[in-house]
Amino acid sequence: MNATILHNPRCSKSREALAILQDAGATVTVIEYLKTPLPRDELARLYAKGGMSPRDGLRKAEAGAKALKDVSHDAILDAMAADPILIERPLVETDKGVRLGRPSERVREIL
């Protein structure tokens, strides 16, 4: 099985999700999204595949997220593409779907 994870190695939930994928024997592509930001269209595709809105994937604890409280999903995607710290992590994709790994055990749903 192939998996892709939007990963922040400094995040414990992200490290936990990566370990779950590796323990399951998945071939994992790791994208350190803070170093290699995803294009807006790719973020939109991932959220749609996961049945989530961009607002669901917004890291609300970040200072920049407060300004996005009442904006459109398009504006949130634009903000995430411009400032990837706004993306909640880890975000994991397999052939079975996309899950936000909060809690990290949620990635098991798509293994």
C-alpha atoms as a PDB file:
ATOM      1  CA  MET A   1       0.000   0.000   0.000  1.00  0.00           C
ATOM      2  CA  ASN A   2       1.157   3.505  -0.825  1.00  0.00           C
ATOM      3  CA  ALA A   3       0.531   6.446   1.479  1.00  0.00           C
ATOM      4  CA  THR A   4       1.381  10.123   1.434  1.00  0.00           C
ATOM      5  CA  ILE A   5       1.616  12.153   4.606  1.00  0.00           C
ATOM      6  CA  LEU A   6       1.775  15.921   4.982  1.00  0.00           C
ATOM      7  CA  HIS A   7       4.223  15.828   7.831  1.00  0.00           C
ATOM      8  CA  ASN A   8       5.792  18.114  10.377  1.00  0.00           C
ATOM      9  CA  PRO A   9       8.553  16.217  12.177  1.00  0.00           C
ATOM     10  CA  ARG A  10       8.220  18.557  15.170  1.00  0.00           C
ATOM     11  CA  CYS A  11       4.579  17.485  15.719  1.00  0.00           C
ATOM     12  CA  SER A  12       3.952  14.452  17.935  1.00  0.00           C
ATOM     13  CA  LYS A  13       0.653  13.602  16.187  1.00  0.00           C
ATOM     14  CA  SER A  14       2.407  13.700  12.844  1.00  0.00           C
ATOM     15  CA  ARG A  15       5.200  11.439  14.097  1.00  0.00           C
ATOM     16  CA  GLU A  16       2.608   9.040  15.547  1.00  0.00           C
ATOM     17  CA  ALA A  17       0.691   8.878  12.259  1.00  0.00           C
ATOM     18  CA  LEU A  18       3.903   8.241  10.329  1.00  0.00           C
ATOM     19  CA  ALA A  19       4.772   5.390  12.704  1.00  0.00           C
ATOM     20  CA  ILE A  20       1.303   3.855  12.209  1.00  0.00           C
ATOM     21  CA  LEU A  21       1.802   3.942   8.439  1.00  0.00           C
ATOM     22  CA  GLN A  22       5.278   2.436   8.661  1.00  0.00           C
ATOM     23  CA  ASP A  23       4.152  -0.262  11.113  1.00  0.00           C
ATOM     24  CA  ALA A  24       1.365  -1.192   8.690  1.00  0.00           C
ATOM     25  CA  GLY A  25       3.992  -1.775   5.991  1.00  0.00           C
ATOM     26  CA  ALA A  26       2.932   1.142   3.806  1.00  0.00           C
ATOM     27  CA  THR A  27       5.315   2.678   1.321  1.00  0.00           C
ATOM     28  CA  VAL A  28       5.196   6.246   2.592  1.00  0.00           C
ATOM     29  CA  THR A  29       5.897   9.434   0.712  1.00  0.00           C
ATOM     30  CA  VAL A  30       6.640  12.105   3.299  1.00  0.00           C
ATOM     31  CA  ILE A  31       5.955  15.705   2.361  1.00  0.00           C
ATOM     32  CA  GLU A  32       7.308  18.198   4.849  1.00  0.00           C
ATOM     33  CA  TYR A  33       4.678  20.708   3.840  1.00  0.00           C
ATOM     34  CA  LEU A  34       6.363  23.615   5.633  1.00  0.00           C
ATOM     35  CA  LYS A  35       9.422  23.131   3.400  1.00  0.00           C
ATOM     36  CA  THR A  36       7.488  22.063   0.286  1.00  0.00           C
ATOM     37  CA  PRO A  37       4.097  23.795   0.336  1.00  0.00           C
ATOM     38  CA  LEU A  38       1.284  22.213  -1.646  1.00  0.00           C
ATOM     39  CA  PRO A  39      -0.500  24.162  -4.349  1.00  0.00           C
ATOM     40  CA  ARG A  40      -3.992  25.370  -3.536  1.00  0.00           C
ATOM     41  CA  ASP A  41      -5.591  22.964  -6.035  1.00  0.00           C
ATOM     42  CA  GLU A  42      -3.863  19.980  -4.424  1.00  0.00           C
ATOM     43  CA  LEU A  43      -5.108  21.004  -0.984  1.00  0.00           C
ATOM     44  CA  ALA A  44      -8.636  21.348  -2.385  1.00  0.00           C
ATOM     45  CA  ARG A  45      -8.384  17.873  -3.939  1.00  0.00           C
ATOM     46  CA  LEU A  46      -7.196  16.294  -0.683  1.00  0.00           C
ATOM     47  CA  TYR A  47      -9.956  17.856   1.394  1.00  0.00           C
ATOM     48  CA  ALA A  48     -12.593  16.870  -1.152  1.00  0.00           C
ATOM     49  CA  LYS A  49     -11.311  13.281  -1.252  1.00  0.00           C
ATOM     50  CA  GLY A  50     -11.453  13.165   2.542  1.00  0.00           C
ATOM     51  CA  GLY A  51     -14.973  14.584   2.688  1.00  0.00           C
ATOM     52  CA  MET A  52     -13.675  17.616   4.553  1.00  0.00           C
ATOM     53  CA  SER A  53     -14.002  21.309   4.022  1.00  0.00           C
ATOM     54  CA  PRO A  54     -10.910  23.511   4.015  1.00  0.00           C
ATOM     55  CA  ARG A  55     -12.173  24.910   7.318  1.00  0.00           C
ATOM     56  CA  ASP A  56     -11.963  21.374   8.769  1.00  0.00           C
ATOM     57  CA  GLY A  57      -8.290  21.321   7.767  1.00  0.00           C
ATOM     58  CA  LEU A  58      -7.471  24.735   9.186  1.00  0.00           C
ATOM     59  CA  ARG A  59      -5.070  24.807  12.107  1.00  0.00           C
ATOM     60  CA  LYS A  60      -7.245  27.033  14.252  1.00  0.00           C
ATOM     61  CA  ALA A  61      -4.630  27.513  16.990  1.00  0.00           C
ATOM     62  CA  GLU A  62      -2.424  29.544  14.649  1.00  0.00           C
ATOM     63  CA  ALA A  63      -2.624  33.308  14.952  1.00  0.00           C
ATOM     64  CA  GLY A  64      -3.288  33.686  11.211  1.00  0.00           C
ATOM     65  CA  ALA A  65      -6.334  31.439  11.433  1.00  0.00           C
ATOM     66  CA  LYS A  66      -8.256  33.921  13.555  1.00  0.00           C
ATOM     67  CA  ALA A  67      -8.540  36.284  10.576  1.00  0.00           C
ATOM     68  CA  LEU A  68     -10.136  33.457   8.563  1.00  0.00           C
ATOM     69  CA  LYS A  69     -13.076  32.938  10.910  1.00  0.00           C
ATOM     70  CA  ASP A  70     -15.754  34.301   8.552  1.00  0.00           C
ATOM     71  CA  VAL A  71     -14.194  33.856   5.106  1.00  0.00           C
ATOM     72  CA  SER A  72     -15.017  31.475   2.273  1.00  0.00           C
ATOM     73  CA  HIS A  73     -13.449  28.074   1.749  1.00  0.00           C
ATOM     74  CA  ASP A  74     -11.661  29.540  -1.273  1.00  0.00           C
ATOM     75  CA  ALA A  75     -10.090  32.226   0.913  1.00  0.00           C
ATOM     76  CA  ILE A  76      -8.984  29.576   3.416  1.00  0.00           C
ATOM     77  CA  LEU A  77      -7.340  27.536   0.649  1.00  0.00           C
ATOM     78  CA  ASP A  78      -5.585  30.665  -0.633  1.00  0.00           C
ATOM     79  CA  ALA A  79      -4.314  31.403   2.882  1.00  0.00           C
ATOM     80  CA  MET A  80      -3.104  27.817   3.395  1.00  0.00           C
ATOM     81  CA  ALA A  81      -1.233  27.846   0.086  1.00  0.00           C
ATOM     82  CA  ALA A  82       0.402  31.154   1.004  1.00  0.00           C
ATOM     83  CA  ASP A  83       1.153  30.199   4.630  1.00  0.00           C
ATOM     84  CA  PRO A  84       1.259  26.393   5.081  1.00  0.00           C
ATOM     85  CA  ILE A  85       1.545  26.658   8.881  1.00  0.00           C
ATOM     86  CA  LEU A  86      -2.248  27.094   8.686  1.00  0.00           C
ATOM     87  CA  ILE A  87      -2.667  23.481   7.521  1.00  0.00           C
ATOM     88  CA  GLU A  88      -3.669  21.082  10.297  1.00  0.00           C
ATOM     89  CA  ARG A  89      -1.458  18.030  10.315  1.00  0.00           C
ATOM     90  CA  PRO A  90      -0.951  15.260   9.706  1.00  0.00           C
ATOM     91  CA  LEU A  91      -2.985  14.837   6.555  1.00  0.00           C
ATOM     92  CA  VAL A  92      -2.680  11.317   5.123  1.00  0.00           C
ATOM     93  CA  GLU A  93      -3.772   9.970   1.742  1.00  0.00           C
ATOM     94  CA  THR A  94      -4.001   6.364   0.575  1.00  0.00           C
ATOM     95  CA  ASP A  95      -5.995   4.732  -2.207  1.00  0.00           C
ATOM     96  CA  LYS A  96      -8.798   4.328   0.337  1.00  0.00           C
ATOM     97  CA  GLY A  97      -9.122   8.022   1.134  1.00  0.00           C
ATOM     98  CA  VAL A  98      -7.765  10.959   3.077  1.00  0.00           C
ATOM     99  CA  ARG A  99      -7.801  11.450   6.838  1.00  0.00           C
ATOM    100  CA  LEU A 100      -6.675  14.152   9.164  1.00  0.00           C
ATOM    101  CA  GLY A 101      -4.668  12.314  11.795  1.00  0.00           C
ATOM    102  CA  ARG A 102      -6.206  13.937  14.839  1.00  0.00           C
ATOM    103  CA  PRO A 103      -6.219  11.678  16.679  1.00  0.00           C
ATOM    104  CA  SER A 104      -3.432   9.898  14.851  1.00  0.00           C
ATOM    105  CA  GLU A 105      -5.287   6.556  15.018  1.00  0.00           C
ATOM    106  CA  ARG A 106      -7.756   7.904  12.434  1.00  0.00           C
ATOM    107  CA  VAL A 107      -5.252   7.041   9.704  1.00  0.00           C
ATOM    108  CA  ARG A 108      -6.020   3.377  10.350  1.00  0.00           C
ATOM    109  CA  GLU A 109      -9.411   3.994   8.695  1.00  0.00           C
ATOM    110  CA  ILE A 110      -7.706   4.264   5.320  1.00  0.00           C
ATOM    111  CA  LEU A 111      -5.158   1.447   5.613  1.00  0.00           C
END
